Amino acid sequence: MRIDRLKFVAELTKQDLTLIELSKRSGVNRVTLSNIKCGKSCREDIAQKVAKALNVEVEELIEK
């Protein structure tokens, strides 16, 4: 599953979050979040954790 990097970065900026803060909220490793930010794929469970921590639906973040 691939999270759209632009949507991901926009949501981080909108919520004024760093990757470290999101890592603490989501339980997802900072390196994994950095990889997502660079456009790499992630497992579905990781995408779900990220979306939940950002208080958005996973469908709002994934590439279409």
PDB file of N, CA and C in Angstrom:
ATOM      1  N   MET A   1       0.855  -1.170   0.000  1.00  0.00           N
ATOM      2  CA  MET A   1       0.000   0.000   0.000  1.00  0.00           C
ATOM      3  C   MET A   1       0.902   1.234   0.000  1.00  0.00           C
ATOM      4  N   ARG A   2       0.503   2.208  -0.766  1.00  0.00           N
ATOM      5  CA  ARG A   2       1.321   3.413  -0.837  1.00  0.00           C
ATOM      6  C   ARG A   2       0.512   4.627  -0.385  1.00  0.00           C
ATOM      7  N   ILE A   3       1.030   5.286   0.638  1.00  0.00           N
ATOM      8  CA  ILE A   3       0.438   6.540   1.101  1.00  0.00           C
ATOM      9  C   ILE A   3       0.949   7.653   0.192  1.00  0.00           C
ATOM     10  N   ASP A   4       0.042   8.490  -0.262  1.00  0.00           N
ATOM     11  CA  ASP A   4       0.416   9.626  -1.108  1.00  0.00           C
ATOM     12  C   ASP A   4       1.276  10.578  -0.281  1.00  0.00           C
ATOM     13  N   ARG A   5       2.518  10.732  -0.703  1.00  0.00           N
ATOM     14  CA  ARG A   5       3.466  11.522   0.084  1.00  0.00           C
ATOM     15  C   ARG A   5       3.046  12.976   0.232  1.00  0.00           C
ATOM     16  N   LEU A   6       2.422  13.541  -0.792  1.00  0.00           N
ATOM     17  CA  LEU A   6       1.991  14.938  -0.714  1.00  0.00           C
ATOM     18  C   LEU A   6       0.845  15.109   0.281  1.00  0.00           C
ATOM     19  N   LYS A   7      -0.093  14.165   0.268  1.00  0.00           N
ATOM     20  CA  LYS A   7      -1.194  14.212   1.238  1.00  0.00           C
ATOM     21  C   LYS A   7      -0.658  14.016   2.655  1.00  0.00           C
ATOM     22  N   PHE A   8       0.308  13.112   2.794  1.00  0.00           N
ATOM     23  CA  PHE A   8       0.918  12.828   4.095  1.00  0.00           C
ATOM     24  C   PHE A   8       1.610  14.073   4.644  1.00  0.00           C
ATOM     25  N   VAL A   9       2.429  14.695   3.826  1.00  0.00           N
ATOM     26  CA  VAL A   9       3.157  15.897   4.255  1.00  0.00           C
ATOM     27  C   VAL A   9       2.177  17.036   4.543  1.00  0.00           C
ATOM     28  N   ALA A  10       1.156  17.178   3.715  1.00  0.00           N
ATOM     29  CA  ALA A  10       0.154  18.229   3.934  1.00  0.00           C
ATOM     30  C   ALA A  10      -0.550  18.038   5.278  1.00  0.00           C
ATOM     31  N   GLU A  11      -0.867  16.800   5.615  1.00  0.00           N
ATOM     32  CA  GLU A  11      -1.552  16.526   6.885  1.00  0.00           C
ATOM     33  C   GLU A  11      -0.619  16.775   8.063  1.00  0.00           C
ATOM     34  N   LEU A  12       0.646  16.408   7.927  1.00  0.00           N
ATOM     35  CA  LEU A  12       1.626  16.694   8.983  1.00  0.00           C
ATOM     36  C   LEU A  12       1.730  18.201   9.211  1.00  0.00           C
ATOM     37  N   THR A  13       1.813  18.950   8.126  1.00  0.00           N
ATOM     38  CA  THR A  13       1.931  20.405   8.210  1.00  0.00           C
ATOM     39  C   THR A  13       0.670  21.014   8.815  1.00  0.00           C
ATOM     40  N   LYS A  14      -0.479  20.554   8.352  1.00  0.00           N
ATOM     41  CA  LYS A  14      -1.766  21.055   8.846  1.00  0.00           C
ATOM     42  C   LYS A  14      -1.882  20.864  10.358  1.00  0.00           C
ATOM     43  N   GLN A  15      -1.392  19.721  10.840  1.00  0.00           N
ATOM     44  CA  GLN A  15      -1.490  19.415  12.269  1.00  0.00           C
ATOM     45  C   GLN A  15      -0.243  19.843  13.045  1.00  0.00           C
ATOM     46  N   ASP A  16       0.705  20.463  12.342  1.00  0.00           N
ATOM     47  CA  ASP A  16       1.946  20.942  12.956  1.00  0.00           C
ATOM     48  C   ASP A  16       2.653  19.822  13.728  1.00  0.00           C
ATOM     49  N   LEU A  17       2.814  18.677  13.047  1.00  0.00           N
ATOM     50  CA  LEU A  17       3.442  17.502  13.649  1.00  0.00           C
ATOM     51  C   LEU A  17       4.785  17.207  13.008  1.00  0.00           C
ATOM     52  N   THR A  18       5.711  16.731  13.811  1.00  0.00           N
ATOM     53  CA  THR A  18       6.971  16.210  13.290  1.00  0.00           C
ATOM     54  C   THR A  18       6.833  14.696  13.164  1.00  0.00           C
ATOM     55  N   LEU A  19       7.772  14.083  12.468  1.00  0.00           N
ATOM     56  CA  LEU A  19       7.758  12.625  12.359  1.00  0.00           C
ATOM     57  C   LEU A  19       7.942  11.971  13.725  1.00  0.00           C
ATOM     58  N   ILE A  20       8.737  12.592  14.570  1.00  0.00           N
ATOM     59  CA  ILE A  20       8.956  12.048  15.914  1.00  0.00           C
ATOM     60  C   ILE A  20       7.648  12.062  16.710  1.00  0.00           C
ATOM     61  N   GLU A  21       6.914  13.168  16.627  1.00  0.00           N
ATOM     62  CA  GLU A  21       5.633  13.265  17.337  1.00  0.00           C
ATOM     63  C   GLU A  21       4.624  12.255  16.790  1.00  0.00           C
ATOM     64  N   LEU A  22       4.582  12.128  15.467  1.00  0.00           N
ATOM     65  CA  LEU A  22       3.671  11.164  14.854  1.00  0.00           C
ATOM     66  C   LEU A  22       4.072   9.741  15.225  1.00  0.00           C
ATOM     67  N   SER A  23       5.356   9.492  15.313  1.00  0.00           N
ATOM     68  CA  SER A  23       5.843   8.175  15.717  1.00  0.00           C
ATOM     69  C   SER A  23       5.343   7.820  17.116  1.00  0.00           C
ATOM     70  N   LYS A  24       5.418   8.773  18.015  1.00  0.00           N
ATOM     71  CA  LYS A  24       4.941   8.543  19.388  1.00  0.00           C
ATOM     72  C   LYS A  24       3.434   8.310  19.416  1.00  0.00           C
ATOM     73  N   ARG A  25       2.695   9.073  18.626  1.00  0.00           N
ATOM     74  CA  ARG A  25       1.229   8.941  18.577  1.00  0.00           C
ATOM     75  C   ARG A  25       0.785   7.614  17.973  1.00  0.00           C
ATOM     76  N   SER A  26       1.489   7.207  16.919  1.00  0.00           N
ATOM     77  CA  SER A  26       1.042   6.057  16.128  1.00  0.00           C
ATOM     78  C   SER A  26       1.676   4.734  16.533  1.00  0.00           C
ATOM     79  N   GLY A  27       2.842   4.801  17.162  1.00  0.00           N
ATOM     80  CA  GLY A  27       3.568   3.574  17.471  1.00  0.00           C
ATOM     81  C   GLY A  27       4.338   3.038  16.274  1.00  0.00           C
ATOM     82  N   VAL A  28       4.436   3.845  15.223  1.00  0.00           N
ATOM     83  CA  VAL A  28       5.169   3.464  14.012  1.00  0.00           C
ATOM     84  C   VAL A  28       6.562   4.075  14.086  1.00  0.00           C
ATOM     85  N   ASN A  29       7.561   3.275  13.769  1.00  0.00           N
ATOM     86  CA  ASN A  29       8.948   3.713  13.815  1.00  0.00           C
ATOM     87  C   ASN A  29       9.157   4.966  12.963  1.00  0.00           C
ATOM     88  N   ARG A  30       9.980   5.888  13.453  1.00  0.00           N
ATOM     89  CA  ARG A  30      10.262   7.134  12.735  1.00  0.00           C
ATOM     90  C   ARG A  30      10.863   6.872  11.362  1.00  0.00           C
ATOM     91  N   VAL A  31      11.714   5.864  11.246  1.00  0.00           N
ATOM     92  CA  VAL A  31      12.335   5.549   9.950  1.00  0.00           C
ATOM     93  C   VAL A  31      11.266   5.115   8.948  1.00  0.00           C
ATOM     94  N   THR A  32      10.307   4.331   9.408  1.00  0.00           N
ATOM     95  CA  THR A  32       9.200   3.911   8.539  1.00  0.00           C
ATOM     96  C   THR A  32       8.407   5.126   8.075  1.00  0.00           C
ATOM     97  N   LEU A  33       8.144   6.055   8.987  1.00  0.00           N
ATOM     98  CA  LEU A  33       7.426   7.281   8.621  1.00  0.00           C
ATOM     99  C   LEU A  33       8.233   8.109   7.627  1.00  0.00           C
ATOM    100  N   SER A  34       9.533   8.150   7.809  1.00  0.00           N
ATOM    101  CA  SER A  34      10.400   8.866   6.879  1.00  0.00           C
ATOM    102  C   SER A  34      10.339   8.226   5.493  1.00  0.00           C
ATOM    103  N   ASN A  35      10.317   6.900   5.459  1.00  0.00           N
ATOM    104  CA  ASN A  35      10.199   6.192   4.180  1.00  0.00           C
ATOM    105  C   ASN A  35       8.874   6.518   3.493  1.00  0.00           C
ATOM    106  N   ILE A  36       7.797   6.574   4.268  1.00  0.00           N
ATOM    107  CA  ILE A  36       6.487   6.944   3.717  1.00  0.00           C
ATOM    108  C   ILE A  36       6.559   8.357   3.146  1.00  0.00           C
ATOM    109  N   LYS A  37       7.191   9.253   3.885  1.00  0.00           N
ATOM    110  CA  LYS A  37       7.328  10.648   3.446  1.00  0.00           C
ATOM    111  C   LYS A  37       8.109  10.747   2.141  1.00  0.00           C
ATOM    112  N   CYS A  38       9.012   9.781   1.915  1.00  0.00           N
ATOM    113  CA  CYS A  38       9.808   9.748   0.679  1.00  0.00           C
ATOM    114  C   CYS A  38       9.100   9.000  -0.448  1.00  0.00           C
ATOM    115  N   GLY A  39       7.885   8.504  -0.190  1.00  0.00           N
ATOM    116  CA  GLY A  39       7.108   7.867  -1.245  1.00  0.00           C
ATOM    117  C   GLY A  39       7.199   6.363  -1.307  1.00  0.00           C
ATOM    118  N   LYS A  40       7.798   5.728  -0.305  1.00  0.00           N
ATOM    119  CA  LYS A  40       7.901   4.267  -0.310  1.00  0.00           C
ATOM    120  C   LYS A  40       6.605   3.641   0.195  1.00  0.00           C
ATOM    121  N   SER A  41       6.389   2.397  -0.192  1.00  0.00           N
ATOM    122  CA  SER A  41       5.195   1.655   0.212  1.00  0.00           C
ATOM    123  C   SER A  41       5.275   1.238   1.671  1.00  0.00           C
ATOM    124  N   CYS A  42       4.115   0.915   2.232  1.00  0.00           N
ATOM    125  CA  CYS A  42       4.060   0.387   3.597  1.00  0.00           C
ATOM    126  C   CYS A  42       2.962  -0.665   3.669  1.00  0.00           C
ATOM    127  N   ARG A  43       2.990  -1.441   4.738  1.00  0.00           N
ATOM    128  CA  ARG A  43       1.951  -2.442   4.947  1.00  0.00           C
ATOM    129  C   ARG A  43       0.634  -1.747   5.300  1.00  0.00           C
ATOM    130  N   GLU A  44      -0.451  -2.457   5.078  1.00  0.00           N
ATOM    131  CA  GLU A  44      -1.776  -1.887   5.348  1.00  0.00           C
ATOM    132  C   GLU A  44      -1.958  -1.545   6.823  1.00  0.00           C
ATOM    133  N   ASP A  45      -1.436  -2.389   7.717  1.00  0.00           N
ATOM    134  CA  ASP A  45      -1.593  -2.113   9.150  1.00  0.00           C
ATOM    135  C   ASP A  45      -0.864  -0.840   9.559  1.00  0.00           C
ATOM    136  N   ILE A  46       0.261  -0.566   8.919  1.00  0.00           N
ATOM    137  CA  ILE A  46       1.012   0.668   9.193  1.00  0.00           C
ATOM    138  C   ILE A  46       0.204   1.873   8.720  1.00  0.00           C
ATOM    139  N   ALA A  47      -0.355   1.776   7.521  1.00  0.00           N
ATOM    140  CA  ALA A  47      -1.177   2.869   6.985  1.00  0.00           C
ATOM    141  C   ALA A  47      -2.360   3.147   7.909  1.00  0.00           C
ATOM    142  N   GLN A  48      -2.964   2.098   8.448  1.00  0.00           N
ATOM    143  CA  GLN A  48      -4.090   2.256   9.372  1.00  0.00           C
ATOM    144  C   GLN A  48      -3.656   2.986  10.642  1.00  0.00           C
ATOM    145  N   LYS A  49      -2.499   2.620  11.188  1.00  0.00           N
ATOM    146  CA  LYS A  49      -1.990   3.265  12.403  1.00  0.00           C
ATOM    147  C   LYS A  49      -1.708   4.743  12.162  1.00  0.00           C
ATOM    148  N   VAL A  50      -1.109   5.039  11.015  1.00  0.00           N
ATOM    149  CA  VAL A  50      -0.784   6.429  10.670  1.00  0.00           C
ATOM    150  C   VAL A  50      -2.070   7.244  10.533  1.00  0.00           C
ATOM    151  N   ALA A  51      -3.031   6.703   9.802  1.00  0.00           N
ATOM    152  CA  ALA A  51      -4.302   7.410   9.605  1.00  0.00           C
ATOM    153  C   ALA A  51      -5.004   7.648  10.940  1.00  0.00           C
ATOM    154  N   LYS A  52      -5.025   6.642  11.794  1.00  0.00           N
ATOM    155  CA  LYS A  52      -5.679   6.779  13.100  1.00  0.00           C
ATOM    156  C   LYS A  52      -5.001   7.866  13.930  1.00  0.00           C
ATOM    157  N   ALA A  53      -3.672   7.889  13.918  1.00  0.00           N
ATOM    158  CA  ALA A  53      -2.928   8.896  14.684  1.00  0.00           C
ATOM    159  C   ALA A  53      -3.177  10.305  14.149  1.00  0.00           C
ATOM    160  N   LEU A  54      -3.443  10.411  12.846  1.00  0.00           N
ATOM    161  CA  LEU A  54      -3.719  11.712  12.228  1.00  0.00           C
ATOM    162  C   LEU A  54      -5.209  12.069  12.263  1.00  0.00           C
ATOM    163  N   ASN A  55      -6.021  11.152  12.788  1.00  0.00           N
ATOM    164  CA  ASN A  55      -7.475  11.352  12.856  1.00  0.00           C
ATOM    165  C   ASN A  55      -8.103  11.560  11.481  1.00  0.00           C
ATOM    166  N   VAL A  56      -7.645  10.759  10.511  1.00  0.00           N
ATOM    167  CA  VAL A  56      -8.226  10.777   9.167  1.00  0.00           C
ATOM    168  C   VAL A  56      -8.494   9.337   8.742  1.00  0.00           C
ATOM    169  N   GLU A  57      -9.308   9.175   7.727  1.00  0.00           N
ATOM    170  CA  GLU A  57      -9.547   7.850   7.157  1.00  0.00           C
ATOM    171  C   GLU A  57      -8.353   7.480   6.290  1.00  0.00           C
ATOM    172  N   VAL A  58      -7.996   6.201   6.284  1.00  0.00           N
ATOM    173  CA  VAL A  58      -6.845   5.762   5.495  1.00  0.00           C
ATOM    174  C   VAL A  58      -7.051   6.087   4.009  1.00  0.00           C
ATOM    175  N   GLU A  59      -8.300   6.054   3.555  1.00  0.00           N
ATOM    176  CA  GLU A  59      -8.601   6.359   2.150  1.00  0.00           C
ATOM    177  C   GLU A  59      -8.211   7.785   1.773  1.00  0.00           C
ATOM    178  N   GLU A  60      -8.162   8.674   2.767  1.00  0.00           N
ATOM    179  CA  GLU A  60      -7.776  10.061   2.512  1.00  0.00           C
ATOM    180  C   GLU A  60      -6.278  10.200   2.262  1.00  0.00           C
ATOM    181  N   LEU A  61      -5.511   9.188   2.649  1.00  0.00           N
ATOM    182  CA  LEU A  61      -4.052   9.272   2.539  1.00  0.00           C
ATOM    183  C   LEU A  61      -3.456   8.445   1.407  1.00  0.00           C
ATOM    184  N   ILE A  62      -4.134   7.373   1.003  1.00  0.00           N
ATOM    185  CA  ILE A  62      -3.510   6.476   0.034  1.00  0.00           C
ATOM    186  C   ILE A  62      -3.567   7.039  -1.382  1.00  0.00           C
ATOM    187  N   GLU A  63      -2.602   6.585  -2.191  1.00  0.00           N
ATOM    188  CA  GLU A  63      -2.577   6.971  -3.602  1.00  0.00           C
ATOM    189  C   GLU A  63      -3.718   6.286  -4.317  1.00  0.00           C
ATOM    190  N   LYS A  64      -4.260   6.962  -5.299  1.00  0.00           N
ATOM    191  CA  LYS A  64      -5.358   6.370  -6.074  1.00  0.00           C
ATOM    192  C   LYS A  64      -4.935   6.097  -7.479  1.00  0.00           C
TER     193      LYS A  64
END
